C-alpha cells in the first residue's frame, strides 16, 4: 500500500472525518473479530492483526477504543 501524503497534509476537518470513520469501523467490526479470536486460520489471524493495528493507530491519534475481551491478551502481546 502506498503511504501517500502524511497526516499533517490533512485539514483538521479531514483528519476528524478520518478519525470518525476509523472509530465507526473499529466499533462495528469488534464483535466479528472477537468471535473469531480462537481461530488459527490465516484469514482470522490477519483480520485480528489488522484490527489491532487500527486500534493502535487510533490510540496514536488520541482515540481510545475498547478492545474486546477475547482480544485483550493479543493486544498486549503486539
PDB file of N, CA and C in Angstrom:
ATOM      1  N   UNK A   1       0.848  -1.176   0.000  1.00  0.00           N
ATOM      2  CA  UNK A   1       0.000   0.000   0.000  1.00  0.00           C
ATOM      3  C   UNK A   1       0.889   1.232   0.000  1.00  0.00           C
ATOM      4  N   UNK A   2       0.576   2.175  -0.813  1.00  0.00           N
ATOM      5  CA  UNK A   2       1.330   3.424  -0.895  1.00  0.00           C
ATOM      6  C   UNK A   2       1.025   4.258   0.336  1.00  0.00           C
ATOM      7  N   UNK A   3       2.072   4.781   0.975  1.00  0.00           N
ATOM      8  CA  UNK A   3       1.869   5.587   2.174  1.00  0.00           C
ATOM      9  C   UNK A   3       1.147   6.885   1.869  1.00  0.00           C
ATOM     10  N   UNK A   4       1.279   7.383   0.650  1.00  0.00           N
ATOM     11  CA  UNK A   4       0.574   8.602   0.270  1.00  0.00           C
ATOM     12  C   UNK A   4       1.068   9.802   1.053  1.00  0.00           C
ATOM     13  N   UNK A   5       0.202  10.779   1.204  1.00  0.00           N
ATOM     14  CA  UNK A   5       0.550  12.013   1.894  1.00  0.00           C
ATOM     15  C   UNK A   5       0.570  11.778   3.403  1.00  0.00           C
ATOM     16  N   UNK A   6       1.443  12.476   4.110  1.00  0.00           N
ATOM     17  CA  UNK A   6       1.460  12.355   5.567  1.00  0.00           C
ATOM     18  C   UNK A   6       0.202  12.978   6.175  1.00  0.00           C
ATOM     19  N   UNK A   7      -0.100  12.565   7.388  1.00  0.00           N
ATOM     20  CA  UNK A   7      -1.313  13.058   8.045  1.00  0.00           C
ATOM     21  C   UNK A   7      -1.322  14.568   8.212  1.00  0.00           C
ATOM     22  N   UNK A   8      -0.162  15.179   8.373  1.00  0.00           N
ATOM     23  CA  UNK A   8      -0.164  16.635   8.553  1.00  0.00           C
ATOM     24  C   UNK A   8      -0.620  17.377   7.298  1.00  0.00           C
ATOM     25  N   UNK A   9      -0.724  16.658   6.177  1.00  0.00           N
ATOM     26  CA  UNK A   9      -1.222  17.276   4.951  1.00  0.00           C
ATOM     27  C   UNK A   9      -2.749  17.399   4.956  1.00  0.00           C
ATOM     28  N   UNK A  10      -3.405  16.746   5.913  1.00  0.00           N
ATOM     29  CA  UNK A  10      -4.861  16.803   6.001  1.00  0.00           C
ATOM     30  C   UNK A  10      -5.305  18.047   6.758  1.00  0.00           C
ATOM     31  N   UNK A  11      -6.447  18.565   6.371  1.00  0.00           N
ATOM     32  CA  UNK A  11      -7.027  19.665   7.145  1.00  0.00           C
ATOM     33  C   UNK A  11      -7.571  19.081   8.450  1.00  0.00           C
ATOM     34  N   UNK A  12      -7.884  19.931   9.401  1.00  0.00           N
ATOM     35  CA  UNK A  12      -8.437  19.477  10.672  1.00  0.00           C
ATOM     36  C   UNK A  12      -9.744  18.721  10.447  1.00  0.00           C
ATOM     37  N   UNK A  13     -10.577  19.205   9.540  1.00  0.00           N
ATOM     38  CA  UNK A  13     -11.848  18.539   9.252  1.00  0.00           C
ATOM     39  C   UNK A  13     -11.633  17.184   8.595  1.00  0.00           C
ATOM     40  N   UNK A  14     -10.671  17.104   7.694  1.00  0.00           N
ATOM     41  CA  UNK A  14     -10.375  15.826   7.039  1.00  0.00           C
ATOM     42  C   UNK A  14      -9.854  14.805   8.050  1.00  0.00           C
ATOM     43  N   UNK A  15      -8.978  15.247   8.929  1.00  0.00           N
ATOM     44  CA  UNK A  15      -8.441  14.361   9.956  1.00  0.00           C
ATOM     45  C   UNK A  15      -9.552  13.896  10.898  1.00  0.00           C
ATOM     46  N   UNK A  16     -10.457  14.795  11.269  1.00  0.00           N
ATOM     47  CA  UNK A  16     -11.581  14.422  12.126  1.00  0.00           C
ATOM     48  C   UNK A  16     -12.495  13.424  11.414  1.00  0.00           C
ATOM     49  N   UNK A  17     -12.726  13.612  10.131  1.00  0.00           N
ATOM     50  CA  UNK A  17     -13.553  12.681   9.355  1.00  0.00           C
ATOM     51  C   UNK A  17     -12.893  11.303   9.284  1.00  0.00           C
ATOM     52  N   UNK A  18     -11.593  11.287   9.073  1.00  0.00           N
ATOM     53  CA  UNK A  18     -10.847  10.032   9.011  1.00  0.00           C
ATOM     54  C   UNK A  18     -10.895   9.323  10.363  1.00  0.00           C
ATOM     55  N   UNK A  19     -10.692  10.077  11.419  1.00  0.00           N
ATOM     56  CA  UNK A  19     -10.752   9.534  12.774  1.00  0.00           C
ATOM     57  C   UNK A  19     -12.145   8.960  13.053  1.00  0.00           C
ATOM     58  N   UNK A  20     -13.175   9.705  12.701  1.00  0.00           N
ATOM     59  CA  UNK A  20     -14.548   9.253  12.929  1.00  0.00           C
ATOM     60  C   UNK A  20     -14.875   7.976  12.167  1.00  0.00           C
ATOM     61  N   UNK A  21     -14.438   7.900  10.928  1.00  0.00           N
ATOM     62  CA  UNK A  21     -14.687   6.698  10.122  1.00  0.00           C
ATOM     63  C   UNK A  21     -13.958   5.489  10.705  1.00  0.00           C
ATOM     64  N   UNK A  22     -12.739   5.707  11.151  1.00  0.00           N
ATOM     65  CA  UNK A  22     -11.963   4.613  11.735  1.00  0.00           C
ATOM     66  C   UNK A  22     -12.582   4.127  13.040  1.00  0.00           C
ATOM     67  N   UNK A  23     -13.069   5.042  13.853  1.00  0.00           N
ATOM     68  CA  UNK A  23     -13.732   4.661  15.103  1.00  0.00           C
ATOM     69  C   UNK A  23     -14.992   3.853  14.791  1.00  0.00           C
ATOM     70  N   UNK A  24     -15.789   4.319  13.854  1.00  0.00           N
ATOM     71  CA  UNK A  24     -17.005   3.587  13.473  1.00  0.00           C
ATOM     72  C   UNK A  24     -16.635   2.177  13.011  1.00  0.00           C
ATOM     73  N   UNK A  25     -15.649   2.069  12.147  1.00  0.00           N
ATOM     74  CA  UNK A  25     -15.228   0.775  11.611  1.00  0.00           C
ATOM     75  C   UNK A  25     -14.774  -0.143  12.740  1.00  0.00           C
ATOM     76  N   UNK A  26     -13.944   0.388  13.638  1.00  0.00           N
ATOM     77  CA  UNK A  26     -13.429  -0.431  14.738  1.00  0.00           C
ATOM     78  C   UNK A  26     -14.561  -0.923  15.631  1.00  0.00           C
ATOM     79  N   UNK A  27     -15.490  -0.064  15.959  1.00  0.00           N
ATOM     80  CA  UNK A  27     -16.608  -0.469  16.818  1.00  0.00           C
ATOM     81  C   UNK A  27     -17.536  -1.449  16.099  1.00  0.00           C
ATOM     82  N   UNK A  28     -17.788  -1.215  14.826  1.00  0.00           N
ATOM     83  CA  UNK A  28     -18.679  -2.061  14.039  1.00  0.00           C
ATOM     84  C   UNK A  28     -18.131  -3.483  13.915  1.00  0.00           C
ATOM     85  N   UNK A  29     -16.820  -3.611  13.733  1.00  0.00           N
ATOM     86  CA  UNK A  29     -16.214  -4.922  13.489  1.00  0.00           C
ATOM     87  C   UNK A  29     -15.679  -5.603  14.744  1.00  0.00           C
ATOM     88  N   UNK A  30     -15.742  -4.961  15.887  1.00  0.00           N
ATOM     89  CA  UNK A  30     -15.194  -5.527  17.116  1.00  0.00           C
ATOM     90  C   UNK A  30     -15.795  -6.899  17.426  1.00  0.00           C
ATOM     91  N   UNK A  31     -17.095  -7.023  17.356  1.00  0.00           N
ATOM     92  CA  UNK A  31     -17.753  -8.293  17.700  1.00  0.00           C
ATOM     93  C   UNK A  31     -17.379  -9.402  16.722  1.00  0.00           C
ATOM     94  N   UNK A  32     -17.291  -9.084  15.453  1.00  0.00           N
ATOM     95  CA  UNK A  32     -16.934 -10.083  14.445  1.00  0.00           C
ATOM     96  C   UNK A  32     -15.519 -10.586  14.657  1.00  0.00           C
ATOM     97  N   UNK A  33     -14.599  -9.666  14.879  1.00  0.00           N
ATOM     98  CA  UNK A  33     -13.201 -10.048  15.085  1.00  0.00           C
ATOM     99  C   UNK A  33     -13.084 -10.864  16.373  1.00  0.00           C
ATOM    100  N   UNK A  34     -13.761 -10.458  17.422  1.00  0.00           N
ATOM    101  CA  UNK A  34     -13.715 -11.182  18.692  1.00  0.00           C
ATOM    102  C   UNK A  34     -14.303 -12.584  18.564  1.00  0.00           C
ATOM    103  N   UNK A  35     -15.344 -12.728  17.760  1.00  0.00           N
ATOM    104  CA  UNK A  35     -15.976 -14.031  17.577  1.00  0.00           C
ATOM    105  C   UNK A  35     -15.038 -15.041  16.947  1.00  0.00           C
ATOM    106  N   UNK A  36     -14.049 -14.554  16.211  1.00  0.00           N
ATOM    107  CA  UNK A  36     -13.095 -15.433  15.539  1.00  0.00           C
ATOM    108  C   UNK A  36     -11.741 -15.442  16.242  1.00  0.00           C
ATOM    109  N   UNK A  37     -11.709 -15.004  17.491  1.00  0.00           N
ATOM    110  CA  UNK A  37     -10.444 -14.848  18.224  1.00  0.00           C
ATOM    111  C   UNK A  37      -9.682 -16.161  18.390  1.00  0.00           C
ATOM    112  N   UNK A  38     -10.382 -17.248  18.535  1.00  0.00           N
ATOM    113  CA  UNK A  38      -9.718 -18.531  18.767  1.00  0.00           C
ATOM    114  C   UNK A  38      -9.281 -19.224  17.475  1.00  0.00           C
ATOM    115  N   UNK A  39      -9.748 -18.736  16.349  1.00  0.00           N
ATOM    116  CA  UNK A  39      -9.399 -19.374  15.078  1.00  0.00           C
ATOM    117  C   UNK A  39      -7.931 -19.177  14.759  1.00  0.00           C
ATOM    118  N   UNK A  40      -7.319 -20.219  14.196  1.00  0.00           N
ATOM    119  CA  UNK A  40      -5.890 -20.186  13.868  1.00  0.00           C
ATOM    120  C   UNK A  40      -5.628 -19.997  12.374  1.00  0.00           C
ATOM    121  N   UNK A  41      -6.691 -19.952  11.578  1.00  0.00           N
ATOM    122  CA  UNK A  41      -6.537 -19.810  10.134  1.00  0.00           C
ATOM    123  C   UNK A  41      -5.893 -18.481   9.759  1.00  0.00           C
ATOM    124  N   UNK A  42      -5.237 -18.477   8.624  1.00  0.00           N
ATOM    125  CA  UNK A  42      -4.504 -17.292   8.178  1.00  0.00           C
ATOM    126  C   UNK A  42      -5.414 -16.067   8.046  1.00  0.00           C
ATOM    127  N   UNK A  43      -6.616 -16.259   7.543  1.00  0.00           N
ATOM    128  CA  UNK A  43      -7.523 -15.126   7.373  1.00  0.00           C
ATOM    129  C   UNK A  43      -7.895 -14.525   8.721  1.00  0.00           C
ATOM    130  N   UNK A  44      -8.227 -15.380   9.698  1.00  0.00           N
ATOM    131  CA  UNK A  44      -8.621 -14.894  11.024  1.00  0.00           C
ATOM    132  C   UNK A  44      -7.454 -14.191  11.707  1.00  0.00           C
ATOM    133  N   UNK A  45      -6.255 -14.742  11.563  1.00  0.00           N
ATOM    134  CA  UNK A  45      -5.071 -14.126  12.161  1.00  0.00           C
ATOM    135  C   UNK A  45      -4.817 -12.757  11.529  1.00  0.00           C
ATOM    136  N   UNK A  46      -4.887 -12.681  10.208  1.00  0.00           N
ATOM    137  CA  UNK A  46      -4.670 -11.410   9.513  1.00  0.00           C
ATOM    138  C   UNK A  46      -5.748 -10.391   9.894  1.00  0.00           C
ATOM    139  N   UNK A  47      -6.988 -10.850  10.029  1.00  0.00           N
ATOM    140  CA  UNK A  47      -8.085  -9.961  10.416  1.00  0.00           C
ATOM    141  C   UNK A  47      -7.835  -9.374  11.806  1.00  0.00           C
ATOM    142  N   UNK A  48      -7.406 -10.217  12.753  1.00  0.00           N
ATOM    143  CA  UNK A  48      -7.095  -9.740  14.105  1.00  0.00           C
ATOM    144  C   UNK A  48      -5.943  -8.747  14.093  1.00  0.00           C
ATOM    145  N   UNK A  49      -4.876  -9.075  13.358  1.00  0.00           N
ATOM    146  CA  UNK A  49      -3.716  -8.188  13.303  1.00  0.00           C
ATOM    147  C   UNK A  49      -4.094  -6.826  12.722  1.00  0.00           C
ATOM    148  N   UNK A  50      -4.879  -6.830  11.660  1.00  0.00           N
ATOM    149  CA  UNK A  50      -5.307  -5.576  11.044  1.00  0.00           C
ATOM    150  C   UNK A  50      -6.189  -4.773  12.006  1.00  0.00           C
ATOM    151  N   UNK A  51      -7.072  -5.453  12.697  1.00  0.00           N
ATOM    152  CA  UNK A  51      -7.948  -4.783  13.658  1.00  0.00           C
ATOM    153  C   UNK A  51      -7.125  -4.150  14.778  1.00  0.00           C
ATOM    154  N   UNK A  52      -6.186  -4.901  15.326  1.00  0.00           N
ATOM    155  CA  UNK A  52      -5.354  -4.389  16.409  1.00  0.00           C
ATOM    156  C   UNK A  52      -4.439  -3.261  15.934  1.00  0.00           C
ATOM    157  N   UNK A  53      -3.980  -3.327  14.680  1.00  0.00           N
ATOM    158  CA  UNK A  53      -3.210  -2.216  14.106  1.00  0.00           C
ATOM    159  C   UNK A  53      -4.067  -0.953  14.040  1.00  0.00           C
ATOM    160  N   UNK A  54      -5.333  -1.108  13.674  1.00  0.00           N
ATOM    161  CA  UNK A  54      -6.248   0.032  13.619  1.00  0.00           C
ATOM    162  C   UNK A  54      -6.451   0.635  15.009  1.00  0.00           C
ATOM    163  N   UNK A  55      -6.647  -0.204  16.004  1.00  0.00           N
ATOM    164  CA  UNK A  55      -6.827   0.274  17.371  1.00  0.00           C
ATOM    165  C   UNK A  55      -5.581   1.033  17.833  1.00  0.00           C
ATOM    166  N   UNK A  56      -4.410   0.497  17.524  1.00  0.00           N
ATOM    167  CA  UNK A  56      -3.153   1.157  17.888  1.00  0.00           C
ATOM    168  C   UNK A  56      -3.012   2.495  17.174  1.00  0.00           C
ATOM    169  N   UNK A  57      -3.357   2.542  15.900  1.00  0.00           N
ATOM    170  CA  UNK A  57      -3.281   3.794  15.143  1.00  0.00           C
ATOM    171  C   UNK A  57      -4.229   4.834  15.727  1.00  0.00           C
ATOM    172  N   UNK A  58      -5.419   4.404  16.106  1.00  0.00           N
ATOM    173  CA  UNK A  58      -6.372   5.338  16.711  1.00  0.00           C
ATOM    174  C   UNK A  58      -5.841   5.871  18.041  1.00  0.00           C
ATOM    175  N   UNK A  59      -5.196   5.020  18.821  1.00  0.00           N
ATOM    176  CA  UNK A  59      -4.597   5.484  20.075  1.00  0.00           C
ATOM    177  C   UNK A  59      -3.523   6.532  19.799  1.00  0.00           C
ATOM    178  N   UNK A  60      -2.756   6.332  18.733  1.00  0.00           N
ATOM    179  CA  UNK A  60      -1.739   7.303  18.340  1.00  0.00           C
ATOM    180  C   UNK A  60      -2.375   8.640  17.995  1.00  0.00           C
ATOM    181  N   UNK A  61      -3.579   8.592  17.446  1.00  0.00           N
ATOM    182  CA  UNK A  61      -4.312   9.811  17.097  1.00  0.00           C
ATOM    183  C   UNK A  61      -5.121  10.360  18.271  1.00  0.00           C
ATOM    184  N   UNK A  62      -4.966   9.750  19.445  1.00  0.00           N
ATOM    185  CA  UNK A  62      -5.637  10.253  20.633  1.00  0.00           C
ATOM    186  C   UNK A  62      -7.016   9.693  20.899  1.00  0.00           C
ATOM    187  N   UNK A  63      -7.370   8.592  20.240  1.00  0.00           N
ATOM    188  CA  UNK A  63      -8.694   7.987  20.407  1.00  0.00           C
ATOM    189  C   UNK A  63      -8.525   6.599  21.017  1.00  0.00           C
ATOM    190  N   UNK A  64      -9.144   6.386  22.160  1.00  0.00           N
ATOM    191  CA  UNK A  64      -9.078   5.072  22.826  1.00  0.00           C
ATOM    192  C   UNK A  64     -10.311   4.263  22.444  1.00  0.00           C
ATOM    193  N   UNK A  65     -10.081   3.071  21.965  1.00  0.00           N
ATOM    194  CA  UNK A  65     -11.158   2.143  21.613  1.00  0.00           C
ATOM    195  C   UNK A  65     -11.063   0.952  22.551  1.00  0.00           C
ATOM    196  N   UNK A  66     -12.179   0.543  23.098  1.00  0.00           N
ATOM    197  CA  UNK A  66     -12.184  -0.644  23.952  1.00  0.00           C
ATOM    198  C   UNK A  66     -11.915  -1.875  23.100  1.00  0.00           C
ATOM    199  N   UNK A  67     -10.901  -2.623  23.479  1.00  0.00           N
ATOM    200  CA  UNK A  67     -10.570  -3.865  22.778  1.00  0.00           C
ATOM    201  C   UNK A  67     -11.446  -4.965  23.362  1.00  0.00           C
ATOM    202  N   UNK A  68     -12.103  -5.763  22.501  1.00  0.00           N
ATOM    203  CA  UNK A  68     -12.942  -6.851  23.013  1.00  0.00           C
ATOM    204  C   UNK A  68     -12.133  -7.780  23.931  1.00  0.00           C
ATOM    205  N   UNK A  69     -12.774  -8.287  24.970  1.00  0.00           N
ATOM    206  CA  UNK A  69     -12.101  -9.150  25.947  1.00  0.00           C
ATOM    207  C   UNK A  69     -11.333 -10.292  25.277  1.00  0.00           C
ATOM    208  N   UNK A  70     -11.896 -10.881  24.247  1.00  0.00           N
ATOM    209  CA  UNK A  70     -11.265 -12.007  23.570  1.00  0.00           C
ATOM    210  C   UNK A  70      -9.947 -11.629  22.901  1.00  0.00           C
ATOM    211  N   UNK A  71      -9.717 -10.329  22.686  1.00  0.00           N
ATOM    212  CA  UNK A  71      -8.511  -9.873  22.010  1.00  0.00           C
ATOM    213  C   UNK A  71      -7.535  -9.148  22.924  1.00  0.00           C
ATOM    214  N   UNK A  72      -7.887  -8.969  24.191  1.00  0.00           N
ATOM    215  CA  UNK A  72      -7.049  -8.184  25.112  1.00  0.00           C
ATOM    216  C   UNK A  72      -5.655  -8.778  25.219  1.00  0.00           C
ATOM    217  N   UNK A  73      -5.553 -10.073  25.402  1.00  0.00           N
ATOM    218  CA  UNK A  73      -4.238 -10.710  25.533  1.00  0.00           C
ATOM    219  C   UNK A  73      -3.412 -10.529  24.261  1.00  0.00           C
ATOM    220  N   UNK A  74      -4.057 -10.657  23.112  1.00  0.00           N
ATOM    221  CA  UNK A  74      -3.355 -10.483  21.833  1.00  0.00           C
ATOM    222  C   UNK A  74      -2.900  -9.033  21.662  1.00  0.00           C
ATOM    223  N   UNK A  75      -3.712  -8.101  22.124  1.00  0.00           N
ATOM    224  CA  UNK A  75      -3.368  -6.682  22.002  1.00  0.00           C
ATOM    225  C   UNK A  75      -2.158  -6.342  22.853  1.00  0.00           C
ATOM    226  N   UNK A  76      -2.060  -6.929  24.035  1.00  0.00           N
ATOM    227  CA  UNK A  76      -0.930  -6.625  24.900  1.00  0.00           C
ATOM    228  C   UNK A  76       0.342  -7.299  24.413  1.00  0.00           C
ATOM    229  N   UNK A  77       0.212  -8.376  23.643  1.00  0.00           N
ATOM    230  CA  UNK A  77       1.383  -9.070  23.102  1.00  0.00           C
ATOM    231  C   UNK A  77       1.927  -8.361  21.862  1.00  0.00           C
ATOM    232  N   UNK A  78       1.093  -7.543  21.234  1.00  0.00           N
ATOM    233  CA  UNK A  78       1.502  -6.873  19.991  1.00  0.00           C
ATOM    234  C   UNK A  78       2.434  -5.716  20.230  1.00  0.00           C
TER     235      UNK A  78
END
